[in-house]
PDB file of N, CA and C in Angstrom:
ATOM      1  N   MET A   1       0.837  -0.998   0.173  1.00  0.00           N
ATOM      2  CA  MET A   1       0.022   0.172  -0.067  1.00  0.00           C
ATOM      3  C   MET A   1       1.030   1.242   0.063  1.00  0.00           C
ATOM      4  N   SER A   2       0.428   2.176  -0.669  1.00  0.00           N
ATOM      5  CA  SER A   2       1.212   3.259  -0.985  1.00  0.00           C
ATOM      6  C   SER A   2       1.312   4.098   0.364  1.00  0.00           C
ATOM      7  N   GLN A   3       2.326   5.264   0.367  1.00  0.00           N
ATOM      8  CA  GLN A   3       1.985   5.729   1.551  1.00  0.00           C
ATOM      9  C   GLN A   3       1.051   6.805   1.904  1.00  0.00           C
ATOM     10  N   HIS A   4       0.707   7.414   0.610  1.00  0.00           N
ATOM     11  CA  HIS A   4      -0.745   8.588   0.609  1.00  0.00           C
ATOM     12  C   HIS A   4      -1.843   7.865   1.180  1.00  0.00           C
ATOM     13  N   HIS A   5      -2.110   6.521   1.225  1.00  0.00           N
ATOM     14  CA  HIS A   5      -3.226   5.993   1.990  1.00  0.00           C
ATOM     15  C   HIS A   5      -3.398   6.136   3.519  1.00  0.00           C
ATOM     16  N   ILE A   6      -1.857   5.864   4.239  1.00  0.00           N
ATOM     17  CA  ILE A   6      -1.810   6.289   5.562  1.00  0.00           C
ATOM     18  C   ILE A   6      -1.790   7.756   5.729  1.00  0.00           C
ATOM     19  N   SER A   7      -1.785   8.601   4.921  1.00  0.00           N
ATOM     20  CA  SER A   7      -2.137   9.888   5.336  1.00  0.00           C
ATOM     21  C   SER A   7      -3.308  10.524   4.960  1.00  0.00           C
ATOM     22  N   THR A   8      -4.330   9.861   4.784  1.00  0.00           N
ATOM     23  CA  THR A   8      -5.742  10.331   4.390  1.00  0.00           C
ATOM     24  C   THR A   8      -6.057  11.110   5.548  1.00  0.00           C
ATOM     25  N   ARG A   9      -7.270  11.822   5.257  1.00  0.00           N
ATOM     26  CA  ARG A   9      -7.779  12.487   6.390  1.00  0.00           C
ATOM     27  C   ARG A   9      -8.439  11.764   7.542  1.00  0.00           C
ATOM     28  N   HIS A  10      -9.159  10.495   6.858  1.00  0.00           N
ATOM     29  CA  HIS A  10      -9.677   9.320   7.801  1.00  0.00           C
ATOM     30  C   HIS A  10      -8.845   9.249   8.775  1.00  0.00           C
ATOM     31  N   MET A  11      -7.560   8.634   7.993  1.00  0.00           N
ATOM     32  CA  MET A  11      -6.360   7.909   8.639  1.00  0.00           C
ATOM     33  C   MET A  11      -6.010   9.023   9.968  1.00  0.00           C
ATOM     34  N   LYS A  12      -5.862  10.177   9.720  1.00  0.00           N
ATOM     35  CA  LYS A  12      -5.300  10.966  10.265  1.00  0.00           C
ATOM     36  C   LYS A  12      -6.177  11.296  11.880  1.00  0.00           C
ATOM     37  N   THR A  13      -7.421  11.205  11.322  1.00  0.00           N
ATOM     38  CA  THR A  13      -8.359  11.195  12.257  1.00  0.00           C
ATOM     39  C   THR A  13      -8.436  10.104  13.246  1.00  0.00           C
ATOM     40  N   VAL A  14      -8.596   8.788  12.923  1.00  0.00           N
ATOM     41  CA  VAL A  14      -8.406   7.588  13.476  1.00  0.00           C
ATOM     42  C   VAL A  14      -7.120   7.356  14.425  1.00  0.00           C
ATOM     43  N   ARG A  15      -6.103   8.061  13.804  1.00  0.00           N
ATOM     44  CA  ARG A  15      -4.491   8.218  14.503  1.00  0.00           C
ATOM     45  C   ARG A  15      -4.930   8.987  15.742  1.00  0.00           C
ATOM     46  N   ARG A  16      -5.329  10.288  15.366  1.00  0.00           N
ATOM     47  CA  ARG A  16      -5.636  11.193  16.514  1.00  0.00           C
ATOM     48  C   ARG A  16      -6.327  10.621  17.902  1.00  0.00           C
ATOM     49  N   ARG A  17      -7.515   9.872  17.388  1.00  0.00           N
ATOM     50  CA  ARG A  17      -8.258   9.360  18.422  1.00  0.00           C
ATOM     51  C   ARG A  17      -7.625   8.448  19.144  1.00  0.00           C
ATOM     52  N   PHE A  18      -6.966   7.477  18.440  1.00  0.00           N
ATOM     53  CA  PHE A  18      -6.124   6.283  19.020  1.00  0.00           C
ATOM     54  C   PHE A  18      -5.055   6.632  20.011  1.00  0.00           C
ATOM     55  N   ARG A  19      -4.357   7.968  19.717  1.00  0.00           N
ATOM     56  CA  ARG A  19      -3.562   8.403  20.661  1.00  0.00           C
ATOM     57  C   ARG A  19      -4.127   9.267  21.815  1.00  0.00           C
ATOM     58  N   GLU A  20      -5.181   9.868  21.605  1.00  0.00           N
ATOM     59  CA  GLU A  20      -5.638  10.469  22.945  1.00  0.00           C
ATOM     60  C   GLU A  20      -6.438   9.113  23.879  1.00  0.00           C
ATOM     61  N   GLU A  21      -6.731   8.021  23.506  1.00  0.00           N
ATOM     62  CA  GLU A  21      -7.218   7.110  24.122  1.00  0.00           C
ATOM     63  C   GLU A  21      -5.738   6.694  24.854  1.00  0.00           C
ATOM     64  N   CYS A  22      -5.044   6.417  24.339  1.00  0.00           N
ATOM     65  CA  CYS A  22      -3.802   5.790  24.782  1.00  0.00           C
ATOM     66  C   CYS A  22      -2.953   6.908  25.813  1.00  0.00           C
ATOM     67  N   LYS A  23      -2.913   7.796  25.553  1.00  0.00           N
ATOM     68  CA  LYS A  23      -2.632   8.986  26.126  1.00  0.00           C
ATOM     69  C   LYS A  23      -3.535   9.030  27.579  1.00  0.00           C
ATOM     70  N   GLU A  24      -4.690   8.895  27.517  1.00  0.00           N
ATOM     71  CA  GLU A  24      -5.671   8.636  28.771  1.00  0.00           C
ATOM     72  C   GLU A  24      -5.260   7.698  29.646  1.00  0.00           C
ATOM     73  N   LYS A  25      -5.065   6.552  29.054  1.00  0.00           N
ATOM     74  CA  LYS A  25      -4.627   5.263  29.669  1.00  0.00           C
ATOM     75  C   LYS A  25      -3.082   5.161  30.226  1.00  0.00           C
ATOM     76  N   ASP A  26      -2.534   6.162  29.702  1.00  0.00           N
ATOM     77  CA  ASP A  26      -0.624   6.254  29.780  1.00  0.00           C
ATOM     78  C   ASP A  26      -0.531   4.592  29.371  1.00  0.00           C
ATOM     79  N   GLU A  27      -0.650   4.372  28.307  1.00  0.00           N
ATOM     80  CA  GLU A  27      -0.304   2.994  27.581  1.00  0.00           C
ATOM     81  C   GLU A  27       1.084   2.942  27.305  1.00  0.00           C
ATOM     82  N   PRO A  28       1.784   1.867  27.846  1.00  0.00           N
ATOM     83  CA  PRO A  28       3.148   1.451  27.642  1.00  0.00           C
ATOM     84  C   PRO A  28       3.431   1.127  25.998  1.00  0.00           C
ATOM     85  N   CYS A  29       4.521   1.171  25.671  1.00  0.00           N
ATOM     86  CA  CYS A  29       4.887   0.847  24.403  1.00  0.00           C
ATOM     87  C   CYS A  29       4.857  -0.574  24.454  1.00  0.00           C
ATOM     88  N   TRP A  30       3.938  -1.194  23.391  1.00  0.00           N
ATOM     89  CA  TRP A  30       3.726  -2.723  23.499  1.00  0.00           C
ATOM     90  C   TRP A  30       5.045  -3.268  22.871  1.00  0.00           C
ATOM     91  N   LEU A  31       6.180  -2.989  22.386  1.00  0.00           N
ATOM     92  CA  LEU A  31       7.003  -3.338  21.907  1.00  0.00           C
ATOM     93  C   LEU A  31       8.199  -3.722  23.029  1.00  0.00           C
ATOM     94  N   CYS A  32       8.443  -2.427  23.710  1.00  0.00           N
ATOM     95  CA  CYS A  32       9.412  -2.522  24.714  1.00  0.00           C
ATOM     96  C   CYS A  32       8.695  -2.456  26.244  1.00  0.00           C
ATOM     97  N   GLY A  33       7.417  -2.588  26.267  1.00  0.00           N
ATOM     98  CA  GLY A  33       6.773  -2.424  27.587  1.00  0.00           C
ATOM     99  C   GLY A  33       6.993  -1.172  28.170  1.00  0.00           C
ATOM    100  N   GLN A  34       7.617  -0.195  28.175  1.00  0.00           N
ATOM    101  CA  GLN A  34       8.104   0.967  29.274  1.00  0.00           C
ATOM    102  C   GLN A  34       7.152   1.938  28.816  1.00  0.00           C
ATOM    103  N   ARG A  35       6.846   2.634  30.057  1.00  0.00           N
ATOM    104  CA  ARG A  35       5.581   3.555  30.149  1.00  0.00           C
ATOM    105  C   ARG A  35       5.731   5.083  29.594  1.00  0.00           C
ATOM    106  N   THR A  36       6.968   4.889  28.864  1.00  0.00           N
ATOM    107  CA  THR A  36       7.884   6.349  28.942  1.00  0.00           C
ATOM    108  C   THR A  36       7.379   7.100  27.556  1.00  0.00           C
ATOM    109  N   ILE A  37       6.286   6.784  26.840  1.00  0.00           N
ATOM    110  CA  ILE A  37       5.760   7.235  25.742  1.00  0.00           C
ATOM    111  C   ILE A  37       5.406   8.663  25.937  1.00  0.00           C
ATOM    112  N   ASP A  38       6.082   9.872  25.115  1.00  0.00           N
ATOM    113  CA  ASP A  38       5.834  10.864  25.140  1.00  0.00           C
ATOM    114  C   ASP A  38       4.594  11.368  24.092  1.00  0.00           C
ATOM    115  N   TYR A  39       3.596  11.758  24.621  1.00  0.00           N
ATOM    116  CA  TYR A  39       2.435  11.829  24.145  1.00  0.00           C
ATOM    117  C   TYR A  39       2.387  13.402  23.573  1.00  0.00           C
ATOM    118  N   GLU A  40       3.168  14.118  23.926  1.00  0.00           N
ATOM    119  CA  GLU A  40       3.176  15.611  23.728  1.00  0.00           C
ATOM    120  C   GLU A  40       3.937  16.100  22.422  1.00  0.00           C
ATOM    121  N   THR A  41       5.045  15.239  22.451  1.00  0.00           N
ATOM    122  CA  THR A  41       5.860  15.744  20.915  1.00  0.00           C
ATOM    123  C   THR A  41       5.731  14.811  19.833  1.00  0.00           C
ATOM    124  N   GLN A  42       6.379  15.319  18.870  1.00  0.00           N
ATOM    125  CA  GLN A  42       6.280  14.489  17.507  1.00  0.00           C
ATOM    126  C   GLN A  42       7.726  14.452  16.964  1.00  0.00           C
ATOM    127  N   GLY A  43       8.492  13.200  16.565  1.00  0.00           N
ATOM    128  CA  GLY A  43       9.345  12.978  15.710  1.00  0.00           C
ATOM    129  C   GLY A  43      10.693  12.778  16.563  1.00  0.00           C
ATOM    130  N   GLU A  44      10.396  12.671  18.038  1.00  0.00           N
ATOM    131  CA  GLU A  44      11.486  12.250  18.911  1.00  0.00           C
ATOM    132  C   GLU A  44      11.360  10.604  19.154  1.00  0.00           C
ATOM    133  N   PRO A  45      12.339   9.963  19.652  1.00  0.00           N
ATOM    134  CA  PRO A  45      12.829   8.767  19.566  1.00  0.00           C
ATOM    135  C   PRO A  45      11.539   8.142  20.548  1.00  0.00           C
ATOM    136  N   ASP A  46      11.145   8.811  21.555  1.00  0.00           N
ATOM    137  CA  ASP A  46      10.333   8.327  22.698  1.00  0.00           C
ATOM    138  C   ASP A  46       8.993   9.011  22.384  1.00  0.00           C
ATOM    139  N   SER A  47       8.466   9.194  21.601  1.00  0.00           N
ATOM    140  CA  SER A  47       6.995  10.140  20.916  1.00  0.00           C
ATOM    141  C   SER A  47       6.213   8.730  20.765  1.00  0.00           C
ATOM    142  N   PHE A  48       4.856   9.133  20.747  1.00  0.00           N
ATOM    143  CA  PHE A  48       3.880   8.237  20.223  1.00  0.00           C
ATOM    144  C   PHE A  48       3.903   7.983  18.808  1.00  0.00           C
ATOM    145  N   SER A  49       3.832   6.550  18.666  1.00  0.00           N
ATOM    146  CA  SER A  49       3.511   6.136  17.122  1.00  0.00           C
ATOM    147  C   SER A  49       2.579   5.185  17.343  1.00  0.00           C
ATOM    148  N   LEU A  50       1.581   5.229  16.436  1.00  0.00           N
ATOM    149  CA  LEU A  50       0.535   4.300  16.074  1.00  0.00           C
ATOM    150  C   LEU A  50       1.298   2.931  15.680  1.00  0.00           C
ATOM    151  N   ASP A  51       1.485   1.836  15.968  1.00  0.00           N
ATOM    152  CA  ASP A  51       1.913   0.768  15.360  1.00  0.00           C
ATOM    153  C   ASP A  51       0.814  -0.073  15.031  1.00  0.00           C
ATOM    154  N   HIS A  52       0.978  -0.852  13.786  1.00  0.00           N
ATOM    155  CA  HIS A  52      -0.055  -1.720  13.524  1.00  0.00           C
ATOM    156  C   HIS A  52       0.538  -3.265  13.655  1.00  0.00           C
ATOM    157  N   PHE A  53      -0.434  -4.242  14.446  1.00  0.00           N
ATOM    158  CA  PHE A  53       0.050  -5.403  14.800  1.00  0.00           C
ATOM    159  C   PHE A  53       0.556  -6.142  13.369  1.00  0.00           C
ATOM    160  N   TYR A  54      -0.470  -6.241  12.733  1.00  0.00           N
ATOM    161  CA  TYR A  54      -0.440  -6.916  11.274  1.00  0.00           C
ATOM    162  C   TYR A  54       0.420  -5.573  10.277  1.00  0.00           C
ATOM    163  N   PRO A  55       1.477  -5.415   9.722  1.00  0.00           N
ATOM    164  CA  PRO A  55       2.113  -4.254   9.169  1.00  0.00           C
ATOM    165  C   PRO A  55       0.839  -3.874   7.985  1.00  0.00           C
ATOM    166  N   VAL A  56       0.835  -2.797   7.810  1.00  0.00           N
ATOM    167  CA  VAL A  56       0.262  -2.094   6.644  1.00  0.00           C
ATOM    168  C   VAL A  56       0.532  -2.560   5.406  1.00  0.00           C
ATOM    169  N   SER A  57       2.185  -2.875   5.190  1.00  0.00           N
ATOM    170  CA  SER A  57       2.601  -3.325   4.067  1.00  0.00           C
ATOM    171  C   SER A  57       2.239  -4.658   3.709  1.00  0.00           C
ATOM    172  N   THR A  58       1.915  -5.325   4.525  1.00  0.00           N
ATOM    173  CA  THR A  58       1.638  -6.866   4.274  1.00  0.00           C
ATOM    174  C   THR A  58      -0.012  -7.112   4.659  1.00  0.00           C
ATOM    175  N   HIS A  59      -0.562  -6.162   5.077  1.00  0.00           N
ATOM    176  CA  HIS A  59      -1.950  -6.264   5.427  1.00  0.00           C
ATOM    177  C   HIS A  59      -2.771  -5.213   5.382  1.00  0.00           C
ATOM    178  N   PRO A  60      -2.862  -4.387   4.086  1.00  0.00           N
ATOM    179  CA  PRO A  60      -3.499  -3.192   4.357  1.00  0.00           C
ATOM    180  C   PRO A  60      -4.944  -3.284   4.516  1.00  0.00           C
ATOM    181  N   GLU A  61      -5.706  -4.104   4.504  1.00  0.00           N
ATOM    182  CA  GLU A  61      -7.174  -4.176   4.898  1.00  0.00           C
ATOM    183  C   GLU A  61      -7.242  -3.821   6.122  1.00  0.00           C
ATOM    184  N   PHE A  62      -6.178  -3.828   7.362  1.00  0.00           N
ATOM    185  CA  PHE A  62      -6.393  -3.796   8.484  1.00  0.00           C
ATOM    186  C   PHE A  62      -5.847  -2.027   8.865  1.00  0.00           C
ATOM    187  N   ILE A  63      -5.797  -1.351   8.086  1.00  0.00           N
ATOM    188  CA  ILE A  63      -4.956  -0.161   8.186  1.00  0.00           C
ATOM    189  C   ILE A  63      -5.532   0.815   9.139  1.00  0.00           C
ATOM    190  N   THR A  64      -7.159   0.925   8.999  1.00  0.00           N
ATOM    191  CA  THR A  64      -7.833   1.534   9.971  1.00  0.00           C
ATOM    192  C   THR A  64      -8.714   0.738  11.083  1.00  0.00           C
ATOM    193  N   ASP A  65      -8.378  -0.360  11.230  1.00  0.00           N
ATOM    194  CA  ASP A  65      -8.896  -1.176  11.938  1.00  0.00           C
ATOM    195  C   ASP A  65      -8.433  -1.196  13.794  1.00  0.00           C
ATOM    196  N   PRO A  66      -8.721  -0.581  14.269  1.00  0.00           N
ATOM    197  CA  PRO A  66      -8.514  -0.157  15.894  1.00  0.00           C
ATOM    198  C   PRO A  66      -8.020  -1.557  16.370  1.00  0.00           C
ATOM    199  N   ALA A  67      -8.437  -2.839  16.402  1.00  0.00           N
ATOM    200  CA  ALA A  67      -7.988  -3.926  16.735  1.00  0.00           C
ATOM    201  C   ALA A  67      -6.706  -4.478  16.528  1.00  0.00           C
ATOM    202  N   ASN A  68      -6.169  -3.594  15.142  1.00  0.00           N
ATOM    203  CA  ASN A  68      -4.599  -4.126  15.048  1.00  0.00           C
ATOM    204  C   ASN A  68      -4.123  -2.932  15.456  1.00  0.00           C
ATOM    205  N   PHE A  69      -4.268  -1.726  16.028  1.00  0.00           N
ATOM    206  CA  PHE A  69      -3.509  -0.656  16.719  1.00  0.00           C
ATOM    207  C   PHE A  69      -2.705  -0.933  18.070  1.00  0.00           C
ATOM    208  N   ARG A  70      -1.711  -0.461  18.043  1.00  0.00           N
ATOM    209  CA  ARG A  70      -0.827  -0.851  19.125  1.00  0.00           C
ATOM    210  C   ARG A  70      -0.238   0.608  19.459  1.00  0.00           C
ATOM    211  N   ALA A  71       0.251   1.090  20.645  1.00  0.00           N
ATOM    212  CA  ALA A  71       0.632   2.268  20.985  1.00  0.00           C
ATOM    213  C   ALA A  71       2.305   1.871  21.146  1.00  0.00           C
ATOM    214  N   SER A  72       3.044   2.460  20.536  1.00  0.00           N
ATOM    215  CA  SER A  72       4.726   2.366  20.555  1.00  0.00           C
ATOM    216  C   SER A  72       5.612   3.625  20.566  1.00  0.00           C
ATOM    217  N   HIS A  73       6.918   3.471  20.965  1.00  0.00           N
ATOM    218  CA  HIS A  73       7.516   4.414  20.748  1.00  0.00           C
ATOM    219  C   HIS A  73       7.720   4.921  19.279  1.00  0.00           C
ATOM    220  N   SER A  74       8.068   5.712  18.786  1.00  0.00           N
ATOM    221  CA  SER A  74       8.512   6.125  17.551  1.00  0.00           C
ATOM    222  C   SER A  74       9.835   5.272  17.235  1.00  0.00           C
ATOM    223  N   LEU A  75      10.897   5.263  17.958  1.00  0.00           N
ATOM    224  CA  LEU A  75      11.955   4.326  17.511  1.00  0.00           C
ATOM    225  C   LEU A  75      11.573   2.772  17.700  1.00  0.00           C
ATOM    226  N   CYS A  76      10.876   2.643  18.812  1.00  0.00           N
ATOM    227  CA  CYS A  76      10.582   1.017  18.577  1.00  0.00           C
ATOM    228  C   CYS A  76       9.771   0.573  17.434  1.00  0.00           C
ATOM    229  N   ASN A  77       8.756   1.430  16.755  1.00  0.00           N
ATOM    230  CA  ASN A  77       8.243   1.079  15.597  1.00  0.00           C
ATOM    231  C   ASN A  77       9.206   1.190  14.358  1.00  0.00           C
ATOM    232  N   THR A  78       9.880   2.274  14.359  1.00  0.00           N
ATOM    233  CA  THR A  78      10.894   2.169  13.161  1.00  0.00           C
ATOM    234  C   THR A  78      11.787   0.864  13.105  1.00  0.00           C
ATOM    235  N   LYS A  79      12.631   0.586  14.477  1.00  0.00           N
ATOM    236  CA  LYS A  79      13.126  -0.768  14.360  1.00  0.00           C
ATOM    237  C   LYS A  79      12.420  -2.074  14.022  1.00  0.00           C
ATOM    238  N   ARG A  80      11.094  -1.995  14.448  1.00  0.00           N
ATOM    239  CA  ARG A  80      10.363  -3.245  14.121  1.00  0.00           C
ATOM    240  C   ARG A  80      10.248  -3.343  12.837  1.00  0.00           C
ATOM    241  N   GLY A  81       9.989  -2.026  11.951  1.00  0.00           N
ATOM    242  CA  GLY A  81       9.660  -1.894  10.289  1.00  0.00           C
ATOM    243  C   GLY A  81       8.088  -2.783  10.154  1.00  0.00           C
ATOM    244  N   ASN A  82       8.591  -3.681   9.102  1.00  0.00           N
ATOM    245  CA  ASN A  82       7.423  -4.379   9.015  1.00  0.00           C
ATOM    246  C   ASN A  82       7.352  -5.848   9.039  1.00  0.00           C
ATOM    247  N   ALA A  83       8.443  -6.053   9.941  1.00  0.00           N
ATOM    248  CA  ALA A  83       8.558  -7.537  10.396  1.00  0.00           C
ATOM    249  C   ALA A  83       7.452  -8.105  11.485  1.00  0.00           C
ATOM    250  N   ALA A  84       7.550  -9.356  11.743  1.00  0.00           N
ATOM    251  CA  ALA A  84       6.094  -9.841  12.455  1.00  0.00           C
ATOM    252  C   ALA A  84       6.832  -9.452  13.856  1.00  0.00           C
ATOM    253  N   PRO A  85       6.061  -9.209  14.737  1.00  0.00           N
ATOM    254  CA  PRO A  85       6.257  -9.179  16.056  1.00  0.00           C
ATOM    255  C   PRO A  85       7.101 -10.268  16.782  1.00  0.00           C
ATOM    256  N   THR A  86       8.135  -9.892  17.599  1.00  0.00           N
ATOM    257  CA  THR A  86       8.852 -10.941  18.117  1.00  0.00           C
ATOM    258  C   THR A  86       8.218 -11.544  19.199  1.00  0.00           C
ATOM    259  N   ALA A  87       8.280 -13.095  19.283  1.00  0.00           N
ATOM    260  CA  ALA A  87       7.724 -13.914  20.368  1.00  0.00           C
ATOM    261  C   ALA A  87       7.852 -13.009  21.921  1.00  0.00           C
ATOM    262  N   GLY A  88       6.906 -13.116  22.400  1.00  0.00           N
ATOM    263  CA  GLY A  88       6.800 -12.282  23.900  1.00  0.00           C
ATOM    264  C   GLY A  88       6.568 -11.067  23.996  1.00  0.00           C
ATOM    265  N   LEU A  89       6.337 -10.395  22.646  1.00  0.00           N
ATOM    266  CA  LEU A  89       5.746  -8.833  22.628  1.00  0.00           C
ATOM    267  C   LEU A  89       4.402  -8.923  22.707  1.00  0.00           C
ATOM    268  N   GLY A  90       3.930  -7.617  23.314  1.00  0.00           N
ATOM    269  CA  GLY A  90       2.303  -7.493  23.295  1.00  0.00           C
ATOM    270  C   GLY A  90       1.865  -7.310  24.875  1.00  0.00           C
ATOM    271  N   THR A  91       0.551  -6.929  25.100  1.00  0.00           N
ATOM    272  CA  THR A  91       0.066  -6.503  26.123  1.00  0.00           C
ATOM    273  C   THR A  91      -0.933  -7.636  26.929  1.00  0.00           C
ATOM    274  N   THR A  92      -0.582  -8.026  27.968  1.00  0.00           N
ATOM    275  CA  THR A  92      -1.527  -8.814  28.350  1.00  0.00           C
ATOM    276  C   THR A  92      -2.934  -8.678  28.800  1.00  0.00           C
ATOM    277  N   SER A  93      -3.699  -9.588  28.685  1.00  0.00           N
ATOM    278  CA  SER A  93      -5.086  -9.116  28.752  1.00  0.00           C
ATOM    279  C   SER A  93      -5.669  -8.906  30.189  1.00  0.00           C
ATOM    280  N   GLU A  94      -4.808  -8.872  30.986  1.00  0.00           N
ATOM    281  CA  GLU A  94      -5.325  -8.583  32.384  1.00  0.00           C
ATOM    282  C   GLU A  94      -4.244  -8.196  33.027  1.00  0.00           C
ATOM    283  N   ASP A  95      -4.242  -7.217  34.029  1.00  0.00           N
ATOM    284  CA  ASP A  95      -3.081  -6.774  35.227  1.00  0.00           C
ATOM    285  C   ASP A  95      -3.106  -7.750  36.042  1.00  0.00           C
ATOM    286  N   TRP A  96      -2.287  -8.826  36.213  1.00  0.00           N
ATOM    287  CA  TRP A  96      -2.213 -10.016  37.224  1.00  0.00           C
ATOM    288  C   TRP A  96      -1.692  -9.377  38.490  1.00  0.00           C
ATOM    289  N   GLY A  97      -0.989  -8.091  38.524  1.00  0.00           N
ATOM    290  CA  GLY A  97      -0.604  -7.811  39.898  1.00  0.00           C
ATOM    291  C   GLY A  97       0.802  -8.656  40.358  1.00  0.00           C
ATOM    292  N   ILE A  98       1.508  -9.087  39.581  1.00  0.00           N
ATOM    293  CA  ILE A  98       2.512 -10.242  40.027  1.00  0.00           C
ATOM    294  C   ILE A  98       3.813  -9.066  40.066  1.00  0.00           C
TER     295      ILE A  98
END
């Protein structure tokens, strides 16, 4: 899928809404697990980035599917690229308090 589809007005709106939800919940980076996502700045390594569990390049049908969205650091998302997630990455379905 070409880059311009990711930059559509609809996708920008979806991205903004997801960012606000993540900021409100103080979501950690799903790739590294750290709660240090900077929701205020853009273009910095620790700033928020909307990552797609299934990469857009291989699964363009999920580009606007919120179930495919994950909060990440910009740097973590860049390092991952369009590779499949490494085993052990992701968020737990419940806080087990361990």
